[in-house]
PDB file of all heavy atoms in Angstrom:
ATOM      1  N   LEU A   1      22.608   5.481  -6.266  1.00  0.00           N
ATOM      2  CA  LEU A   1      22.428   5.354  -4.827  1.00  0.00           C
ATOM      3  C   LEU A   1      20.973   5.105  -4.443  1.00  0.00           C
ATOM      4  O   LEU A   1      20.705   4.362  -3.498  1.00  0.00           O
ATOM      5  CB  LEU A   1      22.927   6.626  -4.121  1.00  0.00           C
ATOM      6  CG  LEU A   1      24.406   6.984  -4.307  1.00  0.00           C
ATOM      7  CD1 LEU A   1      24.695   8.340  -3.673  1.00  0.00           C
ATOM      8  CD2 LEU A   1      25.292   5.914  -3.690  1.00  0.00           C
ATOM      9  N   ILE A   2      20.033   5.739  -5.156  1.00  0.00           N
ATOM     10  CA  ILE A   2      18.608   5.673  -4.811  1.00  0.00           C
ATOM     11  C   ILE A   2      17.829   5.176  -6.024  1.00  0.00           C
ATOM     12  O   ILE A   2      17.961   5.727  -7.121  1.00  0.00           O
ATOM     13  CB  ILE A   2      18.091   7.052  -4.375  1.00  0.00           C
ATOM     14  CG1 ILE A   2      18.858   7.538  -3.149  1.00  0.00           C
ATOM     15  CG2 ILE A   2      16.598   7.009  -4.096  1.00  0.00           C
ATOM     16  CD1 ILE A   2      18.532   8.956  -2.737  1.00  0.00           C
ATOM     17  N   LEU A   3      16.994   4.146  -5.793  1.00  0.00           N
ATOM     18  CA  LEU A   3      16.161   3.588  -6.850  1.00  0.00           C
ATOM     19  C   LEU A   3      14.755   3.380  -6.298  1.00  0.00           C
ATOM     20  O   LEU A   3      14.570   2.687  -5.296  1.00  0.00           O
ATOM     21  CB  LEU A   3      16.739   2.264  -7.358  1.00  0.00           C
ATOM     22  CG  LEU A   3      15.907   1.517  -8.409  1.00  0.00           C
ATOM     23  CD1 LEU A   3      15.736   2.354  -9.661  1.00  0.00           C
ATOM     24  CD2 LEU A   3      16.559   0.164  -8.749  1.00  0.00           C
ATOM     25  N   GLU A   4      13.778   3.993  -6.969  1.00  0.00           N
ATOM     26  CA  GLU A   4      12.381   3.868  -6.562  1.00  0.00           C
ATOM     27  C   GLU A   4      11.558   3.327  -7.729  1.00  0.00           C
ATOM     28  O   GLU A   4      11.537   3.929  -8.810  1.00  0.00           O
ATOM     29  CB  GLU A   4      11.831   5.224  -6.113  1.00  0.00           C
ATOM     30  CG  GLU A   4      12.502   5.768  -4.857  1.00  0.00           C
ATOM     31  CD  GLU A   4      11.847   7.029  -4.346  1.00  0.00           C
ATOM     32  OE1 GLU A   4      10.783   7.401  -4.902  1.00  0.00           O
ATOM     33  OE2 GLU A   4      12.378   7.640  -3.407  1.00  0.00           O
ATOM     34  N   LEU A   5      10.876   2.191  -7.471  1.00  0.00           N
ATOM     35  CA  LEU A   5      10.047   1.535  -8.494  1.00  0.00           C
ATOM     36  C   LEU A   5       8.690   1.147  -7.904  1.00  0.00           C
ATOM     37  O   LEU A   5       8.147   0.088  -8.208  1.00  0.00           O
ATOM     38  CB  LEU A   5      10.767   0.292  -9.025  1.00  0.00           C
ATOM     39  CG  LEU A   5      12.067   0.546  -9.801  1.00  0.00           C
ATOM     40  CD1 LEU A   5      12.809  -0.762 -10.032  1.00  0.00           C
ATOM     41  CD2 LEU A   5      11.781   1.222 -11.131  1.00  0.00           C
ATOM     42  N   GLU A   6       8.130   2.002  -7.090  1.00  0.00           N
ATOM     43  CA  GLU A   6       6.853   1.696  -6.455  1.00  0.00           C
ATOM     44  C   GLU A   6       5.694   1.824  -7.451  1.00  0.00           C
ATOM     45  O   GLU A   6       5.791   2.522  -8.470  1.00  0.00           O
ATOM     46  CB  GLU A   6       6.612   2.636  -5.265  1.00  0.00           C
ATOM     47  CG  GLU A   6       7.540   2.369  -4.092  1.00  0.00           C
ATOM     48  CD  GLU A   6       7.141   3.161  -2.864  1.00  0.00           C
ATOM     49  OE1 GLU A   6       6.427   4.172  -3.016  1.00  0.00           O
ATOM     50  OE2 GLU A   6       7.542   2.782  -1.753  1.00  0.00           O
ATOM     51  N   SER A   7       4.599   1.122  -7.120  1.00  0.00           N
ATOM     52  CA  SER A   7       3.353   1.201  -7.901  1.00  0.00           C
ATOM     53  C   SER A   7       3.580   0.827  -9.353  1.00  0.00           C
ATOM     54  O   SER A   7       3.202   1.548 -10.284  1.00  0.00           O
ATOM     55  CB  SER A   7       2.738   2.603  -7.795  1.00  0.00           C
ATOM     56  OG  SER A   7       2.412   2.907  -6.458  1.00  0.00           O
ATOM     57  N   ASN A   8       4.211  -0.318  -9.576  1.00  0.00           N
ATOM     58  CA  ASN A   8       4.359  -0.870 -10.910  1.00  0.00           C
ATOM     59  C   ASN A   8       3.742  -2.275 -10.929  1.00  0.00           C
ATOM     60  O   ASN A   8       2.874  -2.581 -10.106  1.00  0.00           O
ATOM     61  CB  ASN A   8       5.838  -0.885 -11.315  1.00  0.00           C
ATOM     62  CG  ASN A   8       6.333   0.491 -11.733  1.00  0.00           C
ATOM     63  OD1 ASN A   8       6.061   0.950 -12.829  1.00  0.00           O
ATOM     64  ND2 ASN A   8       7.072   1.158 -10.841  1.00  0.00           N
ATOM     65  N   LYS A   9       4.177  -3.095 -11.831  1.00  0.00           N
ATOM     66  CA  LYS A   9       3.647  -4.452 -11.957  1.00  0.00           C
ATOM     67  C   LYS A   9       4.770  -5.476 -11.820  1.00  0.00           C
ATOM     68  O   LYS A   9       4.857  -6.445 -12.583  1.00  0.00           O
ATOM     69  CB  LYS A   9       2.932  -4.615 -13.297  1.00  0.00           C
ATOM     70  CG  LYS A   9       1.722  -3.690 -13.453  1.00  0.00           C
ATOM     71  CD  LYS A   9       1.040  -3.892 -14.798  1.00  0.00           C
ATOM     72  CE  LYS A   9      -0.169  -2.973 -14.944  1.00  0.00           C
ATOM     73  NZ  LYS A   9      -0.854  -3.149 -16.241  1.00  0.00           N
ATOM     74  N   LEU A  10       5.596  -5.281 -10.819  1.00  0.00           N
ATOM     75  CA  LEU A  10       6.760  -6.140 -10.624  1.00  0.00           C
ATOM     76  C   LEU A  10       6.431  -7.286  -9.674  1.00  0.00           C
ATOM     77  O   LEU A  10       5.654  -7.138  -8.730  1.00  0.00           O
ATOM     78  CB  LEU A  10       7.921  -5.324 -10.064  1.00  0.00           C
ATOM     79  CG  LEU A  10       8.444  -4.187 -10.953  1.00  0.00           C
ATOM     80  CD1 LEU A  10       9.498  -3.387 -10.210  1.00  0.00           C
ATOM     81  CD2 LEU A  10       8.995  -4.726 -12.263  1.00  0.00           C
ATOM     82  N   SER A  11       7.072  -8.394  -9.929  1.00  0.00           N
ATOM     83  CA  SER A  11       6.945  -9.584  -9.068  1.00  0.00           C
ATOM     84  C   SER A  11       8.212 -10.413  -9.216  1.00  0.00           C
ATOM     85  O   SER A  11       9.079 -10.108 -10.051  1.00  0.00           O
ATOM     86  CB  SER A  11       5.707 -10.399  -9.452  1.00  0.00           C
ATOM     87  OG  SER A  11       5.841 -10.921 -10.757  1.00  0.00           O
ATOM     88  N   GLU A  12       8.310 -11.476  -8.382  1.00  0.00           N
ATOM     89  CA  GLU A  12       9.497 -12.323  -8.475  1.00  0.00           C
ATOM     90  C   GLU A  12       9.579 -13.057  -9.806  1.00  0.00           C
ATOM     91  O   GLU A  12      10.640 -13.554 -10.192  1.00  0.00           O
ATOM     92  CB  GLU A  12       9.525 -13.327  -7.323  1.00  0.00           C
ATOM     93  CG  GLU A  12       8.351 -14.286  -7.275  1.00  0.00           C
ATOM     94  CD  GLU A  12       7.138 -13.679  -6.596  1.00  0.00           C
ATOM     95  OE1 GLU A  12       7.237 -12.555  -6.069  1.00  0.00           O
ATOM     96  OE2 GLU A  12       6.096 -14.339  -6.584  1.00  0.00           O
ATOM     97  N   SER A  13       8.491 -13.114 -10.561  1.00  0.00           N
ATOM     98  CA  SER A  13       8.491 -13.825 -11.844  1.00  0.00           C
ATOM     99  C   SER A  13       9.052 -12.987 -12.982  1.00  0.00           C
ATOM    100  O   SER A  13       9.540 -13.531 -13.974  1.00  0.00           O
ATOM    101  CB  SER A  13       7.068 -14.280 -12.188  1.00  0.00           C
ATOM    102  OG  SER A  13       6.205 -13.161 -12.319  1.00  0.00           O
ATOM    103  N   ASN A  14       8.976 -11.654 -12.906  1.00  0.00           N
ATOM    104  CA  ASN A  14       9.465 -10.811 -14.016  1.00  0.00           C
ATOM    105  C   ASN A  14      10.685  -9.959 -13.632  1.00  0.00           C
ATOM    106  O   ASN A  14      11.098  -9.090 -14.394  1.00  0.00           O
ATOM    107  CB  ASN A  14       8.355  -9.902 -14.539  1.00  0.00           C
ATOM    108  CG  ASN A  14       7.704  -9.063 -13.450  1.00  0.00           C
ATOM    109  OD1 ASN A  14       8.359  -8.700 -12.497  1.00  0.00           O
ATOM    110  ND2 ASN A  14       6.418  -8.786 -13.613  1.00  0.00           N
ATOM    111  N   VAL A  15      11.233 -10.188 -12.439  1.00  0.00           N
ATOM    112  CA  VAL A  15      12.464  -9.507 -12.030  1.00  0.00           C
ATOM    113  C   VAL A  15      13.580 -10.544 -11.970  1.00  0.00           C
ATOM    114  O   VAL A  15      13.526 -11.491 -11.182  1.00  0.00           O
ATOM    115  CB  VAL A  15      12.297  -8.819 -10.665  1.00  0.00           C
ATOM    116  CG1 VAL A  15      13.616  -8.183 -10.233  1.00  0.00           C
ATOM    117  CG2 VAL A  15      11.198  -7.765 -10.733  1.00  0.00           C
ATOM    118  N   SER A  16      14.575 -10.355 -12.800  1.00  0.00           N
ATOM    119  CA  SER A  16      15.675 -11.312 -12.865  1.00  0.00           C
ATOM    120  C   SER A  16      16.488 -11.299 -11.575  1.00  0.00           C
ATOM    121  O   SER A  16      16.726 -10.222 -10.992  1.00  0.00           O
ATOM    122  CB  SER A  16      16.579 -10.988 -14.054  1.00  0.00           C
ATOM    123  OG  SER A  16      17.743 -11.777 -14.036  1.00  0.00           O
ATOM    124  N   PRO A  17      16.949 -12.467 -11.097  1.00  0.00           N
ATOM    125  CA  PRO A  17      17.812 -12.499  -9.899  1.00  0.00           C
ATOM    126  C   PRO A  17      19.118 -11.745 -10.072  1.00  0.00           C
ATOM    127  O   PRO A  17      19.773 -11.392  -9.091  1.00  0.00           O
ATOM    128  CB  PRO A  17      18.064 -13.996  -9.687  1.00  0.00           C
ATOM    129  CG  PRO A  17      16.966 -14.682 -10.414  1.00  0.00           C
ATOM    130  CD  PRO A  17      16.649 -13.814 -11.587  1.00  0.00           C
ATOM    131  N   PHE A  18      19.492 -11.468 -11.357  1.00  0.00           N
ATOM    132  CA  PHE A  18      20.747 -10.757 -11.636  1.00  0.00           C
ATOM    133  C   PHE A  18      20.504  -9.299 -12.035  1.00  0.00           C
ATOM    134  O   PHE A  18      21.431  -8.614 -12.477  1.00  0.00           O
ATOM    135  CB  PHE A  18      21.505 -11.463 -12.759  1.00  0.00           C
ATOM    136  CG  PHE A  18      21.736 -12.921 -12.502  1.00  0.00           C
ATOM    137  CD1 PHE A  18      20.931 -13.882 -13.108  1.00  0.00           C
ATOM    138  CD2 PHE A  18      22.738 -13.348 -11.646  1.00  0.00           C
ATOM    139  CE1 PHE A  18      21.135 -15.236 -12.875  1.00  0.00           C
ATOM    140  CE2 PHE A  18      22.943 -14.688 -11.405  1.00  0.00           C
ATOM    141  CZ  PHE A  18      22.138 -15.638 -12.017  1.00  0.00           C
ATOM    142  N   ALA A  19      19.271  -8.858 -11.883  1.00  0.00           N
ATOM    143  CA  ALA A  19      18.943  -7.508 -12.338  1.00  0.00           C
ATOM    144  C   ALA A  19      19.668  -6.441 -11.539  1.00  0.00           C
ATOM    145  O   ALA A  19      20.065  -5.400 -12.082  1.00  0.00           O
ATOM    146  CB  ALA A  19      17.434  -7.288 -12.267  1.00  0.00           C
ATOM    147  N   PHE A  20      19.863  -6.652 -10.222  1.00  0.00           N
ATOM    148  CA  PHE A  20      20.442  -5.620  -9.363  1.00  0.00           C
ATOM    149  C   PHE A  20      21.953  -5.745  -9.194  1.00  0.00           C
ATOM    150  O   PHE A  20      22.549  -4.964  -8.438  1.00  0.00           O
ATOM    151  CB  PHE A  20      19.778  -5.677  -7.984  1.00  0.00           C
ATOM    152  CG  PHE A  20      18.283  -5.481  -8.023  1.00  0.00           C
ATOM    153  CD1 PHE A  20      17.425  -6.562  -7.850  1.00  0.00           C
ATOM    154  CD2 PHE A  20      17.736  -4.234  -8.237  1.00  0.00           C
ATOM    155  CE1 PHE A  20      16.050  -6.394  -7.876  1.00  0.00           C
ATOM    156  CE2 PHE A  20      16.361  -4.050  -8.269  1.00  0.00           C
ATOM    157  CZ  PHE A  20      15.505  -5.132  -8.087  1.00  0.00           C
ATOM    158  N   GLN A  21      22.566  -6.693  -9.858  1.00  0.00           N
ATOM    159  CA  GLN A  21      24.013  -6.886  -9.690  1.00  0.00           C
ATOM    160  C   GLN A  21      24.856  -5.691 -10.146  1.00  0.00           C
ATOM    161  O   GLN A  21      25.858  -5.367  -9.505  1.00  0.00           O
ATOM    162  CB  GLN A  21      24.457  -8.150 -10.418  1.00  0.00           C
ATOM    163  CG  GLN A  21      24.120  -9.433  -9.675  1.00  0.00           C
ATOM    164  CD  GLN A  21      24.750 -10.646 -10.335  1.00  0.00           C
ATOM    165  OE1 GLN A  21      25.371 -10.554 -11.399  1.00  0.00           O
ATOM    166  NE2 GLN A  21      24.585 -11.810  -9.701  1.00  0.00           N
ATOM    167  N   PRO A  22      24.502  -4.973 -11.255  1.00  0.00           N
ATOM    168  CA  PRO A  22      25.329  -3.816 -11.661  1.00  0.00           C
ATOM    169  C   PRO A  22      25.300  -2.659 -10.675  1.00  0.00           C
ATOM    170  O   PRO A  22      26.161  -1.781 -10.734  1.00  0.00           O
ATOM    171  CB  PRO A  22      24.717  -3.400 -13.006  1.00  0.00           C
ATOM    172  CG  PRO A  22      23.979  -4.600 -13.487  1.00  0.00           C
ATOM    173  CD  PRO A  22      23.465  -5.272 -12.267  1.00  0.00           C
ATOM    174  N   LEU A  23      24.324  -2.658  -9.756  1.00  0.00           N
ATOM    175  CA  LEU A  23      24.168  -1.522  -8.845  1.00  0.00           C
ATOM    176  C   LEU A  23      25.089  -1.709  -7.636  1.00  0.00           C
ATOM    177  O   LEU A  23      24.665  -2.095  -6.551  1.00  0.00           O
ATOM    178  CB  LEU A  23      22.704  -1.402  -8.418  1.00  0.00           C
ATOM    179  CG  LEU A  23      21.690  -1.311  -9.568  1.00  0.00           C
ATOM    180  CD1 LEU A  23      20.278  -1.266  -9.023  1.00  0.00           C
ATOM    181  CD2 LEU A  23      21.971  -0.098 -10.443  1.00  0.00           C
ATOM    182  N   LYS A  24      26.338  -1.389  -7.833  1.00  0.00           N
ATOM    183  CA  LYS A  24      27.344  -1.623  -6.802  1.00  0.00           C
ATOM    184  C   LYS A  24      27.252  -0.644  -5.638  1.00  0.00           C
ATOM    185  O   LYS A  24      27.749  -0.937  -4.546  1.00  0.00           O
ATOM    186  CB  LYS A  24      28.750  -1.532  -7.418  1.00  0.00           C
ATOM    187  CG  LYS A  24      28.983  -2.458  -8.601  1.00  0.00           C
ATOM    188  CD  LYS A  24      28.883  -3.917  -8.179  1.00  0.00           C
ATOM    189  CE  LYS A  24      29.199  -4.848  -9.348  1.00  0.00           C
ATOM    190  NZ  LYS A  24      29.089  -6.279  -8.963  1.00  0.00           N
ATOM    191  N   SER A  25      26.624   0.511  -5.846  1.00  0.00           N
ATOM    192  CA  SER A  25      26.577   1.533  -4.798  1.00  0.00           C
ATOM    193  C   SER A  25      25.176   1.755  -4.250  1.00  0.00           C
ATOM    194  O   SER A  25      24.986   2.657  -3.419  1.00  0.00           O
ATOM    195  CB  SER A  25      27.119   2.867  -5.341  1.00  0.00           C
ATOM    196  OG  SER A  25      28.439   2.728  -5.828  1.00  0.00           O
ATOM    197  N   LEU A  26      24.199   0.973  -4.680  1.00  0.00           N
ATOM    198  CA  LEU A  26      22.811   1.202  -4.287  1.00  0.00           C
ATOM    199  C   LEU A  26      22.639   1.011  -2.777  1.00  0.00           C
ATOM    200  O   LEU A  26      23.033  -0.014  -2.214  1.00  0.00           O
ATOM    201  CB  LEU A  26      21.880   0.249  -5.040  1.00  0.00           C
ATOM    202  CG  LEU A  26      20.387   0.543  -4.892  1.00  0.00           C
ATOM    203  CD1 LEU A  26      20.037   1.850  -5.585  1.00  0.00           C
ATOM    204  CD2 LEU A  26      19.550  -0.596  -5.467  1.00  0.00           C
ATOM    205  N   SER A  27      22.032   2.015  -2.128  1.00  0.00           N
ATOM    206  CA  SER A  27      21.794   1.941  -0.682  1.00  0.00           C
ATOM    207  C   SER A  27      20.324   2.111  -0.319  1.00  0.00           C
ATOM    208  O   SER A  27      19.940   1.799   0.815  1.00  0.00           O
ATOM    209  CB  SER A  27      22.619   3.017   0.036  1.00  0.00           C
ATOM    210  OG  SER A  27      22.229   4.310  -0.376  1.00  0.00           O
ATOM    211  N   TYR A  28      19.504   2.599  -1.250  1.00  0.00           N
ATOM    212  CA  TYR A  28      18.101   2.894  -0.951  1.00  0.00           C
ATOM    213  C   TYR A  28      17.246   2.318  -2.082  1.00  0.00           C
ATOM    214  O   TYR A  28      17.355   2.738  -3.235  1.00  0.00           O
ATOM    215  CB  TYR A  28      17.930   4.413  -0.847  1.00  0.00           C
ATOM    216  CG  TYR A  28      16.559   4.888  -0.433  1.00  0.00           C
ATOM    217  CD1 TYR A  28      16.276   5.168   0.888  1.00  0.00           C
ATOM    218  CD2 TYR A  28      15.550   5.082  -1.366  1.00  0.00           C
ATOM    219  CE1 TYR A  28      15.022   5.635   1.287  1.00  0.00           C
ATOM    220  CE2 TYR A  28      14.299   5.538  -0.990  1.00  0.00           C
ATOM    221  CZ  TYR A  28      14.034   5.817   0.329  1.00  0.00           C
ATOM    222  OH  TYR A  28      12.796   6.269   0.713  1.00  0.00           O
ATOM    223  N   LEU A  29      16.360   1.339  -1.739  1.00  0.00           N
ATOM    224  CA  LEU A  29      15.545   0.665  -2.749  1.00  0.00           C
ATOM    225  C   LEU A  29      14.096   0.602  -2.275  1.00  0.00           C
ATOM    226  O   LEU A  29      13.807   0.092  -1.193  1.00  0.00           O
ATOM    227  CB  LEU A  29      16.077  -0.752  -3.003  1.00  0.00           C
ATOM    228  CG  LEU A  29      15.266  -1.614  -3.986  1.00  0.00           C
ATOM    229  CD1 LEU A  29      15.224  -0.971  -5.368  1.00  0.00           C
ATOM    230  CD2 LEU A  29      15.860  -3.021  -4.064  1.00  0.00           C
ATOM    231  N   ARG A  30      13.204   1.134  -3.118  1.00  0.00           N
ATOM    232  CA  ARG A  30      11.765   1.094  -2.836  1.00  0.00           C
ATOM    233  C   ARG A  30      11.068   0.261  -3.916  1.00  0.00           C
ATOM    234  O   ARG A  30      11.107   0.608  -5.099  1.00  0.00           O
ATOM    235  CB  ARG A  30      11.166   2.503  -2.806  1.00  0.00           C
ATOM    236  CG  ARG A  30      11.750   3.407  -1.735  1.00  0.00           C
ATOM    237  CD  ARG A  30      10.966   4.704  -1.624  1.00  0.00           C
ATOM    238  NE  ARG A  30       9.685   4.466  -0.956  1.00  0.00           N
ATOM    239  CZ  ARG A  30       9.451   4.747   0.318  1.00  0.00           C
ATOM    240  NH1 ARG A  30      10.433   5.239   1.088  1.00  0.00           N
ATOM    241  NH2 ARG A  30       8.271   4.531   0.857  1.00  0.00           N
ATOM    242  N   LEU A  31      10.429  -0.842  -3.455  1.00  0.00           N
ATOM    243  CA  LEU A  31       9.679  -1.725  -4.353  1.00  0.00           C
ATOM    244  C   LEU A  31       8.246  -1.917  -3.844  1.00  0.00           C
ATOM    245  O   LEU A  31       7.618  -2.938  -4.105  1.00  0.00           O
ATOM    246  CB  LEU A  31      10.380  -3.076  -4.456  1.00  0.00           C
ATOM    247  CG  LEU A  31      11.771  -3.062  -5.114  1.00  0.00           C
ATOM    248  CD1 LEU A  31      12.435  -4.427  -4.971  1.00  0.00           C
ATOM    249  CD2 LEU A  31      11.674  -2.674  -6.580  1.00  0.00           C
ATOM    250  N   GLY A  32       7.750  -0.957  -3.127  1.00  0.00           N
ATOM    251  CA  GLY A  32       6.400  -1.062  -2.578  1.00  0.00           C
ATOM    252  C   GLY A  32       5.322  -0.965  -3.645  1.00  0.00           C
ATOM    253  O   GLY A  32       5.553  -0.541  -4.785  1.00  0.00           O
ATOM    254  N   ARG A  33       4.101  -1.441  -3.249  1.00  0.00           N
ATOM    255  CA  ARG A  33       2.933  -1.399  -4.128  1.00  0.00           C
ATOM    256  C   ARG A  33       3.174  -2.151  -5.436  1.00  0.00           C
ATOM    257  O   ARG A  33       2.855  -1.658  -6.516  1.00  0.00           O
ATOM    258  CB  ARG A  33       2.518   0.048  -4.401  1.00  0.00           C
ATOM    259  CG  ARG A  33       2.045   0.782  -3.155  1.00  0.00           C
ATOM    260  CD  ARG A  33       1.566   2.191  -3.493  1.00  0.00           C
ATOM    261  NE  ARG A  33       1.078   2.872  -2.307  1.00  0.00           N
ATOM    262  CZ  ARG A  33       1.836   3.551  -1.455  1.00  0.00           C
ATOM    263  NH1 ARG A  33       3.154   3.632  -1.673  1.00  0.00           N
ATOM    264  NH2 ARG A  33       1.325   4.123  -0.391  1.00  0.00           N
ATOM    265  N   ASN A  34       3.750  -3.330  -5.327  1.00  0.00           N
ATOM    266  CA  ASN A  34       3.927  -4.203  -6.478  1.00  0.00           C
ATOM    267  C   ASN A  34       3.230  -5.540  -6.194  1.00  0.00           C
ATOM    268  O   ASN A  34       2.254  -5.576  -5.423  1.00  0.00           O
ATOM    269  CB  ASN A  34       5.416  -4.378  -6.793  1.00  0.00           C
ATOM    270  CG  ASN A  34       5.989  -3.199  -7.564  1.00  0.00           C
ATOM    271  OD1 ASN A  34       5.767  -3.063  -8.761  1.00  0.00           O
ATOM    272  ND2 ASN A  34       6.723  -2.335  -6.865  1.00  0.00           N
ATOM    273  N   GLN A  35       3.723  -6.596  -6.767  1.00  0.00           N
ATOM    274  CA  GLN A  35       3.046  -7.892  -6.644  1.00  0.00           C
ATOM    275  C   GLN A  35       3.997  -8.986  -6.156  1.00  0.00           C
ATOM    276  O   GLN A  35       3.856 -10.154  -6.519  1.00  0.00           O
ATOM    277  CB  GLN A  35       2.439  -8.274  -8.000  1.00  0.00           C
ATOM    278  CG  GLN A  35       1.435  -7.258  -8.528  1.00  0.00           C
ATOM    279  CD  GLN A  35       0.984  -7.548  -9.941  1.00  0.00           C
ATOM    280  OE1 GLN A  35       1.330  -8.592 -10.519  1.00  0.00           O
ATOM    281  NE2 GLN A  35       0.197  -6.645 -10.520  1.00  0.00           N
ATOM    282  N   PHE A  36       4.943  -8.642  -5.317  1.00  0.00           N
ATOM    283  CA  PHE A  36       5.900  -9.621  -4.795  1.00  0.00           C
ATOM    284  C   PHE A  36       5.227 -10.510  -3.736  1.00  0.00           C
ATOM    285  O   PHE A  36       4.509 -10.015  -2.859  1.00  0.00           O
ATOM    286  CB  PHE A  36       7.115  -8.914  -4.186  1.00  0.00           C
ATOM    287  CG  PHE A  36       8.016  -8.255  -5.189  1.00  0.00           C
ATOM    288  CD1 PHE A  36       7.967  -6.887  -5.406  1.00  0.00           C
ATOM    289  CD2 PHE A  36       8.910  -9.012  -5.915  1.00  0.00           C
ATOM    290  CE1 PHE A  36       8.797  -6.282  -6.325  1.00  0.00           C
ATOM    291  CE2 PHE A  36       9.751  -8.417  -6.845  1.00  0.00           C
ATOM    292  CZ  PHE A  36       9.690  -7.059  -7.057  1.00  0.00           C
ATOM    293  N   ARG A  37       5.534 -11.802  -3.793  1.00  0.00           N
ATOM    294  CA  ARG A  37       5.084 -12.763  -2.779  1.00  0.00           C
ATOM    295  C   ARG A  37       6.229 -13.196  -1.867  1.00  0.00           C
ATOM    296  O   ARG A  37       5.988 -13.715  -0.772  1.00  0.00           O
ATOM    297  CB  ARG A  37       4.452 -13.989  -3.455  1.00  0.00           C
ATOM    298  CG  ARG A  37       3.135 -13.680  -4.142  1.00  0.00           C
ATOM    299  CD  ARG A  37       2.522 -14.948  -4.722  1.00  0.00           C
ATOM    300  NE  ARG A  37       1.235 -14.674  -5.339  1.00  0.00           N
ATOM    301  CZ  ARG A  37       0.064 -14.700  -4.689  1.00  0.00           C
ATOM    302  NH1 ARG A  37       0.039 -14.990  -3.399  1.00  0.00           N
ATOM    303  NH2 ARG A  37      -1.053 -14.444  -5.317  1.00  0.00           N
ATOM    304  N   THR A  38       7.421 -13.010  -2.337  1.00  0.00           N
ATOM    305  CA  THR A  38       8.616 -13.299  -1.535  1.00  0.00           C
ATOM    306  C   THR A  38       9.590 -12.139  -1.650  1.00  0.00           C
ATOM    307  O   THR A  38       9.429 -11.256  -2.506  1.00  0.00           O
ATOM    308  CB  THR A  38       9.309 -14.586  -2.028  1.00  0.00           C
ATOM    309  OG1 THR A  38       9.694 -14.412  -3.400  1.00  0.00           O
ATOM    310  CG2 THR A  38       8.378 -15.789  -1.915  1.00  0.00           C
TER     311      THR A  38
END
């Protein structure tokens, strides 16, 4: 339900577009303090 990945080195280049597909019940996602441009 809850996934927090703040303050890492994530960006659209190293996160697969299919990475979050298994998370059928996820309602809360934190990706702050990373390197996303989109």
